[in-house]
Amino acid sequence: MSKQPRIVAELGRPETPEETAERKAEFSKKYRASQNFRNLIAALIVTLAVVAVIIFAVPRGEPASEHNVDVPGIAADVESTMQRPVIVPELDDFWRANAADLQGGATTVWNITLAPADEDERGFIRVAQAFDADSSWAPQMLGGTAPTDSTSIGGLEWDVYALGTDTDNNVSYAVGTQAGEDYILLYGSRSADSTAELAESLVPQIRSISEAS
């Protein structure tokens, strides 16, 4: 027995082949639209989930603080190694220490690099204590420049090195003085007045080093 065509209630009669094809095409169109909408919602949910993971799973600690160089601690190790006192700048609100280390070579040197704590201030000064050295050592650090003058700072006589602004290492000014068996050199890109102010703060320690030699 052949199967009778299904009567469509809305039509009151069986669908024609053309109507059946149109109905199926319309159903497919709505289905695809529904699937696209569902896929969009699913993608949005996944995106929000990923964002939530990034926000809540990543550690929310305090911002990293600036690197602080423990100059007194490093200096204590250097004094133990060299068996003699070393210069330790007493930093105030103006200066911060960017580096401090002991460098070997033909002359062993204790170095501290200082820069203004205020980022609006420019320049730097390196404080170098050359062990068992004199003023003949300084030109090695200053591109061969010999003392151009001398000045009195804190009651001590200091060699003055005026290098100008065309040096490879950005050093434009330096002063140095003898501290017993060692030579103390302050050199960098700060002004003569700024360098002299730092030098004067070191005078008590320089006198102590001289007396201990």
Foldseek 3Di string as FASTA:
>chain_A
DDDDADQDPVVRGHDDPVVVVVVVVVVVVVVVVVVVVVVVVVVVVVVVVVVVCVVPVPDPDDPDDDDADPQVVQQVVVCVVVVAHDFGQDDDQFKGWPDWDWDDDPWIKTKTKIDTPDPVDDKIKIKIKTAQDDQVPVCVVVVNFHFPDWDAALNFIKGKTAQCQPDPVRWGIKIWDDQARIIIMIIMNDDPVVSSVSVNSRVVVSPVRNVVD
